[in-house]
Protein backbone atom coordinates (compact mmCIF):
# COMPACT_ATOMS: atom_id res chain seq x y z
CA MET A 1 66.18 -46.85 32.77
CA LYS A 2 62.34 -47.74 32.88
CA ARG A 3 61.41 -51.03 31.57
CA ILE A 4 58.32 -52.01 29.55
CA THR A 5 56.92 -55.26 29.91
CA PHE A 6 54.02 -56.81 28.64
CA THR A 7 52.56 -60.37 29.67
CA LEU A 8 52.36 -63.08 26.92
CA SER A 9 48.63 -63.21 27.22
CA LEU A 10 48.21 -59.66 25.97
CA ALA A 11 50.55 -60.11 23.14
CA VAL A 12 48.24 -63.28 22.23
CA LEU A 13 45.24 -61.29 22.87
CA LEU A 14 46.95 -58.66 20.18
CA GLY A 15 47.59 -61.19 17.53
CA GLY A 16 51.17 -61.53 18.57
CA ALA A 17 51.73 -57.73 18.02
CA LEU A 18 53.23 -55.67 20.90
CA LEU A 19 51.68 -52.11 20.99
CA LEU A 20 53.30 -49.78 22.34
CA PRO A 21 51.43 -46.83 24.60
CA ALA A 22 50.77 -43.63 21.80
CA ALA A 23 52.52 -40.80 22.41
CA ALA A 24 51.06 -37.73 23.94
CA ASP A 25 50.04 -35.10 20.92
CA PRO A 26 51.73 -31.93 21.60
CA LYS A 27 49.32 -29.84 20.14
CA ARG A 28 46.34 -31.05 22.44
CA ALA A 29 46.11 -30.02 26.11
CA ASP A 30 43.36 -29.23 28.66
CA ALA A 31 41.86 -25.85 28.09
CA PRO A 32 42.47 -23.59 31.16
CA LYS A 33 39.71 -23.76 33.84
CA ALA A 34 36.77 -21.35 33.70
CA ALA A 35 36.17 -18.68 36.36
CA GLY A 36 32.76 -17.47 35.08
CA ASP A 37 29.90 -18.72 33.28
CA PRO A 38 30.30 -19.33 29.40
CA ASN A 39 28.59 -17.96 26.58
CA VAL A 40 28.35 -18.83 23.09
CA TYR A 41 27.83 -17.62 19.44
CA VAL A 42 27.66 -19.51 16.02
CA MET A 43 29.15 -18.43 12.55
CA LYS A 44 28.96 -20.41 9.67
CA GLY A 45 27.33 -23.65 11.24
CA ALA A 46 30.43 -23.86 13.81
CA PRO A 47 29.83 -23.12 17.48
CA HIS A 48 32.22 -20.85 19.79
CA ILE A 49 32.16 -20.97 23.12
CA LEU A 50 33.80 -17.73 25.16
CA TYR A 51 34.70 -17.83 28.84
CA ARG A 52 36.88 -16.11 31.16
CA ASP A 53 39.65 -17.69 33.29
CA SER A 54 41.03 -16.84 37.06
CA ALA A 55 43.48 -14.51 35.52
CA GLY A 56 41.01 -12.51 33.58
CA ASN A 57 42.11 -13.71 30.06
CA VAL A 58 39.10 -14.32 27.43
CA HIS A 59 39.13 -17.73 26.09
CA GLU A 60 37.28 -19.32 22.79
CA LEU A 61 36.31 -23.00 22.61
CA TYR A 62 35.66 -23.58 18.72
CA ARG A 63 34.46 -26.47 16.67
CA PRO A 64 34.64 -26.25 12.72
CA ALA A 65 32.02 -27.89 10.72
CA LYS A 66 34.10 -30.96 10.32
CA GLY A 67 36.79 -31.35 12.80
CA GLU A 68 37.81 -31.61 16.79
CA TRP A 69 37.60 -28.98 19.59
CA GLY A 70 39.98 -26.32 19.48
CA HIS A 71 40.97 -23.32 21.92
CA ALA A 72 42.24 -19.71 21.43
CA ASN A 73 43.50 -17.51 24.26
CA LEU A 74 41.79 -14.31 22.67
CA THR A 75 43.34 -11.97 25.33
CA ALA A 76 46.89 -13.00 24.55
CA MET A 77 46.30 -13.10 20.98
CA ALA A 78 44.89 -9.42 20.84
CA ALA A 79 47.34 -8.15 23.65
CA ALA A 80 43.89 -6.87 25.11
CA PRO A 81 43.17 -5.80 28.95
CA LYS A 82 41.98 -8.61 31.33
CA ALA A 83 38.42 -9.18 31.91
CA ALA A 84 36.23 -8.47 34.90
CA GLY A 85 33.42 -9.98 33.81
CA ASP A 86 32.06 -12.93 31.67
CA PRO A 87 32.30 -12.16 27.74
CA SER A 88 29.63 -12.49 24.92
CA GLY A 89 30.09 -12.54 21.28
CA TYR A 90 28.02 -11.86 17.85
CA VAL A 91 28.32 -12.02 14.48
CA LEU A 92 28.72 -9.11 11.78
CA GLU A 93 30.93 -9.78 8.98
CA GLY A 94 33.08 -11.48 11.16
CA PRO A 95 33.44 -12.48 14.94
CA HIS A 96 33.19 -9.85 17.80
CA VAL A 97 33.45 -10.77 21.54
CA ILE A 98 32.73 -8.07 23.93
CA TYR A 99 33.70 -7.94 27.86
CA ARG A 100 33.87 -5.60 30.86
CA SER A 101 37.55 -5.25 31.67
CA THR A 102 38.94 -4.70 35.42
CA GLU A 103 38.87 -0.98 34.72
CA GLY A 104 35.21 -1.16 33.89
CA GLN A 105 36.12 -0.49 30.27
CA ILE A 106 33.75 -2.21 27.58
CA CYS A 107 36.24 -3.81 25.08
CA GLU A 108 35.98 -5.37 21.84
CA LEU A 109 37.91 -8.32 20.41
CA TYR A 110 37.24 -8.67 16.44
CA ARG A 111 39.11 -10.17 13.60
CA SER A 112 41.00 -7.88 11.76
CA ALA A 113 41.43 -7.57 7.86
CA LYS A 114 44.77 -9.55 8.61
CA ASP A 115 42.68 -12.20 9.94
CA LYS A 116 44.05 -11.37 13.27
CA TRP A 117 42.56 -11.07 16.75
CA ALA A 118 42.67 -6.96 17.74
CA THR A 119 40.90 -5.08 20.46
CA THR A 120 39.33 -1.77 20.73
CA ASN A 121 38.04 0.26 23.96
CA LEU A 122 34.94 1.05 22.89
CA THR A 123 34.07 2.89 26.24
CA ALA A 124 37.02 5.31 25.35
CA GLU A 125 36.25 5.79 21.97
CA ALA A 126 32.59 6.53 22.58
CA LYS A 127 33.49 8.54 25.90
CA ALA A 128 31.10 6.70 27.50
CA PRO A 129 30.32 5.92 31.11
CA LYS A 130 32.19 2.98 32.79
CA ALA A 131 30.27 -0.23 33.31
CA SER A 132 29.15 -1.77 36.60
CA GLY A 133 28.12 -5.22 34.91
CA ASP A 134 28.50 -7.29 31.94
CA PRO A 135 27.14 -6.07 28.44
CA ASP A 136 24.55 -7.71 25.90
CA SER A 137 24.66 -6.88 22.18
CA PHE A 138 22.49 -7.12 19.27
CA VAL A 139 22.74 -6.66 15.46
CA LEU A 140 20.10 -4.52 13.55
CA GLU A 141 20.36 -3.71 10.10
CA GLY A 142 23.85 -3.97 9.72
CA GLY A 143 24.40 -2.16 12.86
CA GLN A 144 26.39 -3.06 16.12
CA HIS A 145 24.76 -2.29 19.05
CA ILE A 146 25.97 -2.88 22.82
CA ILE A 147 24.21 -2.29 25.98
CA TYR A 148 25.26 -2.13 29.72
CA ARG A 149 24.74 -1.09 33.05
CA GLY A 150 26.55 2.06 34.31
CA SER A 151 27.84 2.74 37.90
CA LYS A 152 24.83 5.16 38.67
CA GLY A 153 22.28 2.53 37.19
CA ASN A 154 21.69 4.01 34.03
CA VAL A 155 21.14 1.39 31.10
CA HIS A 156 23.70 2.52 28.18
CA GLU A 157 24.04 1.81 24.44
CA LEU A 158 27.06 1.99 22.49
CA TYR A 159 26.43 1.88 18.74
CA GLN A 160 28.81 2.30 15.48
CA SER A 161 27.41 4.73 12.79
CA ALA A 162 27.67 3.84 9.32
CA LYS A 163 31.24 6.04 9.11
CA GLY A 164 32.44 3.56 11.67
CA LYS A 165 32.52 5.77 14.73
CA TRP A 166 31.13 4.53 18.07
CA GLY A 167 28.67 6.61 19.51
CA HIS A 168 26.57 6.54 23.07
CA THR A 169 23.31 6.94 24.32
CA ASN A 170 21.81 6.94 28.05
CA LEU A 171 18.67 4.98 27.42
CA THR A 172 17.66 5.25 30.71
CA ALA A 173 17.41 9.13 30.29
CA GLU A 174 15.98 8.79 26.87
CA GLY A 175 13.21 6.25 28.23
CA LYS A 176 12.70 8.23 31.42
CA ALA A 177 13.06 4.87 33.07
CA PRO A 178 14.21 3.46 36.43
CA THR A 179 17.69 2.82 37.33
CA ALA A 180 18.66 -1.00 37.09
CA THR A 181 20.37 -3.23 39.62
CA GLY A 182 21.33 -5.94 37.21
CA ASP A 183 22.68 -6.46 33.95
CA PRO A 184 20.07 -6.00 30.79
CA THR A 185 19.34 -8.33 28.17
CA ALA A 186 18.45 -6.88 24.32
CA TYR A 187 16.50 -8.80 21.37
CA THR A 188 15.43 -7.38 18.47
CA LEU A 189 11.65 -8.15 16.89
CA GLU A 190 10.47 -6.91 13.45
CA GLY A 191 13.50 -4.42 13.18
CA THR A 192 12.49 -2.91 16.58
CA GLN A 193 15.02 -2.76 19.43
CA HIS A 194 13.88 -4.15 22.73
CA ILE A 195 16.04 -4.15 26.39
CA ALA A 196 14.74 -5.73 29.45
CA TYR A 197 16.38 -5.33 33.00
CA ARG A 198 15.59 -5.56 36.79
CA GLY A 199 14.88 -2.47 38.73
CA GLY A 200 15.51 -1.85 42.38
CA LYS A 201 12.30 -3.40 43.45
CA GLY A 202 12.67 -6.50 41.47
CA ASN A 203 10.38 -5.49 38.84
CA ILE A 204 11.16 -6.16 35.22
CA HIS A 205 11.49 -3.08 32.58
CA GLU A 206 11.23 -2.81 28.87
CA LEU A 207 13.16 -0.02 27.08
CA TYR A 208 11.79 -0.10 23.39
CA ARG A 209 12.50 2.22 20.44
CA SER A 210 9.71 3.28 18.29
CA THR A 211 9.38 3.36 14.46
CA LYS A 212 9.90 7.03 15.26
CA GLY A 213 13.31 6.56 16.62
CA THR A 214 12.40 7.77 20.38
CA TRP A 215 12.65 5.39 23.53
CA GLY A 216 9.98 4.33 25.26
CA HIS A 217 9.60 2.51 28.63
CA THR A 218 7.04 -0.27 30.22
CA ASN A 219 7.03 -1.79 33.95
CA VAL A 220 6.53 -5.29 32.51
CA THR A 221 6.32 -6.82 36.05
CA ALA A 222 3.07 -4.28 36.91
CA GLU A 223 1.47 -4.70 33.86
CA ALA A 224 1.30 -8.44 33.68
CA LYS A 225 0.80 -8.36 37.84
CA ALA A 226 3.71 -10.70 37.76
CA PRO A 227 6.05 -11.73 41.28
CA ARG A 228 9.02 -9.71 41.56
CA ALA A 229 12.43 -10.78 40.31
CA ALA A 230 15.62 -12.17 42.02
CA SER A 231 17.48 -12.67 38.76
CA ASP A 232 18.23 -10.57 35.71
CA PRO A 233 15.92 -11.41 32.73
CA ALA A 234 16.57 -12.85 29.54
CA GLY A 235 14.72 -11.76 26.47
CA TYR A 236 13.98 -13.17 23.22
CA ALA A 237 11.14 -13.26 20.21
CA VAL A 238 9.29 -16.16 18.69
CA GLY A 239 7.40 -15.08 15.88
CA ARG A 240 5.47 -11.76 16.59
CA GLY A 241 5.81 -12.40 20.28
CA GLN A 242 8.06 -11.15 23.09
CA HIS A 243 9.21 -13.59 25.92
CA LEU A 244 11.43 -12.74 29.18
CA VAL A 245 11.94 -15.35 31.34
CA TYR A 246 13.71 -14.80 35.24
CA ARG A 247 14.00 -16.22 38.56
CA ASP A 248 11.42 -14.69 41.23
CA LYS A 249 11.80 -14.28 44.86
CA ASP A 250 10.60 -18.03 45.69
CA SER A 251 12.92 -19.48 43.11
CA GLN A 252 10.20 -20.22 40.53
CA VAL A 253 11.01 -19.66 36.96
CA CYS A 254 8.61 -17.17 35.54
CA GLU A 255 7.85 -15.88 31.82
CA LEU A 256 6.53 -12.88 30.96
CA TYR A 257 4.94 -12.79 27.20
CA GLN A 258 3.39 -9.91 25.17
CA PRO A 259 1.58 -11.48 22.08
CA SER A 260 1.79 -9.24 18.75
CA LYS A 261 -1.28 -7.35 19.82
CA GLY A 262 -2.15 -7.01 23.77
CA ASN A 263 -0.48 -6.48 27.01
CA TRP A 264 1.98 -8.34 29.04
CA ALA A 265 1.05 -11.19 30.66
CA PHE A 266 2.54 -13.89 33.22
CA THR A 267 3.06 -17.96 33.15
CA PRO A 268 4.76 -19.73 36.39
CA LEU A 269 6.80 -22.05 34.13
CA THR A 270 8.16 -24.42 36.99
CA MET A 271 4.57 -24.60 38.88
CA GLU A 272 3.08 -25.51 35.32
CA ALA A 273 5.79 -28.06 34.34
CA LYS A 274 6.06 -29.48 38.17
CA ALA A 275 9.80 -28.80 37.75
CA PRO A 276 12.28 -28.24 40.42
CA LYS A 277 13.00 -24.46 41.82
CA ALA A 278 15.59 -22.63 40.32
CA THR A 279 19.08 -21.06 41.51
CA GLY A 280 20.82 -18.76 39.43
CA THR A 281 19.70 -17.04 36.29
CA PRO A 282 17.44 -18.86 33.56
CA SER A 283 18.10 -18.44 29.63
CA ALA A 284 16.47 -19.12 26.82
CA TYR A 285 16.51 -20.61 23.03
CA VAL A 286 13.99 -21.23 20.34
CA LEU A 287 14.11 -24.28 17.97
CA ASP A 288 11.62 -24.55 15.20
CA LYS A 289 9.42 -21.97 16.90
CA ALA A 290 9.42 -24.19 20.35
CA GLN A 291 10.69 -22.55 23.41
CA HIS A 292 13.35 -24.10 25.45
CA VAL A 293 14.42 -22.53 28.82
CA VAL A 294 17.25 -23.85 30.90
CA TYR A 295 18.36 -23.16 34.35
CA ARG A 296 20.18 -24.87 37.37
CA SER A 297 18.50 -26.02 40.23
CA SER A 298 19.95 -26.01 44.19
CA ASP A 299 21.33 -29.67 43.50
CA GLY A 300 23.35 -28.46 40.58
CA HIS A 301 21.20 -30.12 38.15
CA ILE A 302 20.76 -28.62 34.56
CA ASN A 303 16.89 -28.32 33.96
CA GLU A 304 14.95 -27.81 30.90
CA LEU A 305 11.60 -26.47 30.14
CA SER A 306 10.29 -26.89 26.85
CA ARG A 307 6.70 -26.03 25.16
CA GLY A 308 5.99 -27.55 21.69
CA SER A 309 3.07 -26.91 19.19
CA GLU A 310 0.63 -28.44 21.93
CA GLY A 311 1.28 -25.49 24.04
CA LYS A 312 2.05 -27.09 27.33
CA TRP A 313 5.22 -26.84 29.34
CA ALA A 314 7.50 -29.98 30.13
CA HIS A 315 10.58 -30.61 32.27
CA ALA A 316 13.54 -32.45 31.93
CA ASP A 317 16.45 -33.38 33.95
CA LEU A 318 19.39 -32.93 31.46
CA THR A 319 21.94 -33.92 34.12
CA THR A 320 20.56 -37.10 34.83
CA GLY A 321 19.81 -37.84 31.36
CA ALA A 322 22.86 -37.24 30.01
CA LYS A 323 24.81 -38.42 33.53
CA ALA A 324 26.93 -35.27 33.18
CA PRO A 325 28.54 -33.39 35.80
CA MET A 326 27.24 -30.90 38.58
CA ALA A 327 26.95 -27.05 37.63
CA ALA A 328 28.73 -24.52 39.69
CA SER A 329 26.86 -22.46 41.85
CA GLY A 330 27.14 -18.58 41.38
CA ASN A 331 24.39 -15.86 39.87
CA GLY A 332 24.59 -17.19 35.97
CA GLY A 333 23.71 -20.36 34.62
CA PRO A 334 23.74 -22.33 31.41
CA ILE A 335 23.33 -21.32 28.23
CA GLY A 336 21.26 -22.91 25.70
CA TYR A 337 21.36 -22.65 21.69
CA ALA A 338 20.48 -24.66 18.57
CA MET A 339 22.04 -25.41 15.40
CA GLY A 340 20.24 -26.94 12.52
CA THR A 341 17.70 -29.66 14.45
CA ALA A 342 20.29 -30.13 17.34
CA GLN A 343 20.12 -28.52 20.87
CA PHE A 344 22.91 -27.58 22.78
CA VAL A 345 23.80 -26.41 26.75
CA VAL A 346 26.97 -25.12 27.88
CA TYR A 347 28.00 -24.58 31.43
CA ARG A 348 30.54 -24.43 34.02
CA ASP A 349 30.89 -27.40 36.32
CA THR A 350 32.53 -27.49 39.82
CA GLU A 351 35.49 -28.13 38.65
CA GLY A 352 35.89 -25.11 36.20
CA GLN A 353 35.47 -27.47 33.42
CA ILE A 354 33.37 -26.16 30.15
CA CYS A 355 30.58 -29.13 29.71
CA GLN A 356 28.36 -29.52 26.94
CA LEU A 357 25.17 -31.26 26.60
CA GLU A 358 23.89 -32.08 23.37
CA ARG A 359 20.60 -33.77 21.91
CA GLN A 360 20.30 -34.44 18.15
CA ALA A 361 16.65 -34.80 16.77
CA GLY A 362 14.91 -37.66 18.10
CA GLY A 363 17.63 -38.66 20.22
CA ARG A 364 19.04 -38.56 23.63
CA TRP A 365 20.97 -36.22 25.84
CA ALA A 366 24.65 -36.73 25.63
CA PHE A 367 27.63 -35.09 27.53
CA THR A 368 30.93 -33.76 26.68
CA ASN A 369 33.58 -32.24 28.42
CA LEU A 370 34.79 -29.49 25.70
CA SER A 371 37.94 -28.37 28.39
CA LYS A 372 39.74 -31.70 28.00
CA ALA A 373 42.23 -32.09 25.35
CA VAL A 374 41.49 -29.12 22.87
CA ASN A 375 43.67 -28.46 19.82
CA ALA A 376 46.06 -25.39 20.47
CA PRO A 377 46.02 -22.60 17.50
């Protein structure tokens, strides 16, 4: 039998009461480690972090508006196919999670009417080509839209009709555009659809759908006379303007932007902010109309480029500021998002843990290991 002993000095310090070690909570355990980069969606003011483990399971870390972080294995709960790529999510009358399976199918995880996770093979339902990369998604006028790159480099769209059936469009063919070598990104602006991707020569291309319903194409790199891309772009809208960020072949973070009326233009963000060069793929988010771009540098630090109302780009080393672990290497990168007046950045560290950097309005950056001691469903 093991013996637990306490010294007299400890008992005195505790006011004469001996405190036994607390028993471990059986409902709390570390979440499985990540094999890919995380993604995030926000529903009803609560964050949901998605990632893939080494066995191909899709996991979710979630935090209620008032509560502690929890964990769920969505693949197991929905009896869904294993994932080959990183998942992403969106909200339309409930949560939707999409990913590429090991068979190249685009799969959807969603909450059913019985409030249970279920799965749909969207590729099979829409009779669409298989995927060679990870999908992205957007919601427009109550409709779901999923885009991805096929094996021949064509950009494809899966969409759900008003009757609930999934259909398919080859956007590359519709827009008479070059084929893609990377994964596309999607965003909406004033009710119109915009798809951006990297082509074979490192050019960033845009597919857009006009008010007449036809798809068009622009070689954004050529129009802006910008450097060639070495990473996939991330697209977003601010006000009535479009913005695309990417890493060029000299490891600089570059921005392509188009005002509400005018041609595409180019800004070398890392040079303007005197920031470190980038590895992987940058991402962006907006808070109170201010632009924020996050990326990983070669030393594993998470960096932020931000532009406020004064119009100048500034740089901050978030890893150093929060005393956070280094980020894992790879083609991906961190993901930033905003809730209320707070900023958040999530990433995978070198140990496969999901980490979050957080900054409340007017405060300092802080670090949380989201994979540690989460609540089981």
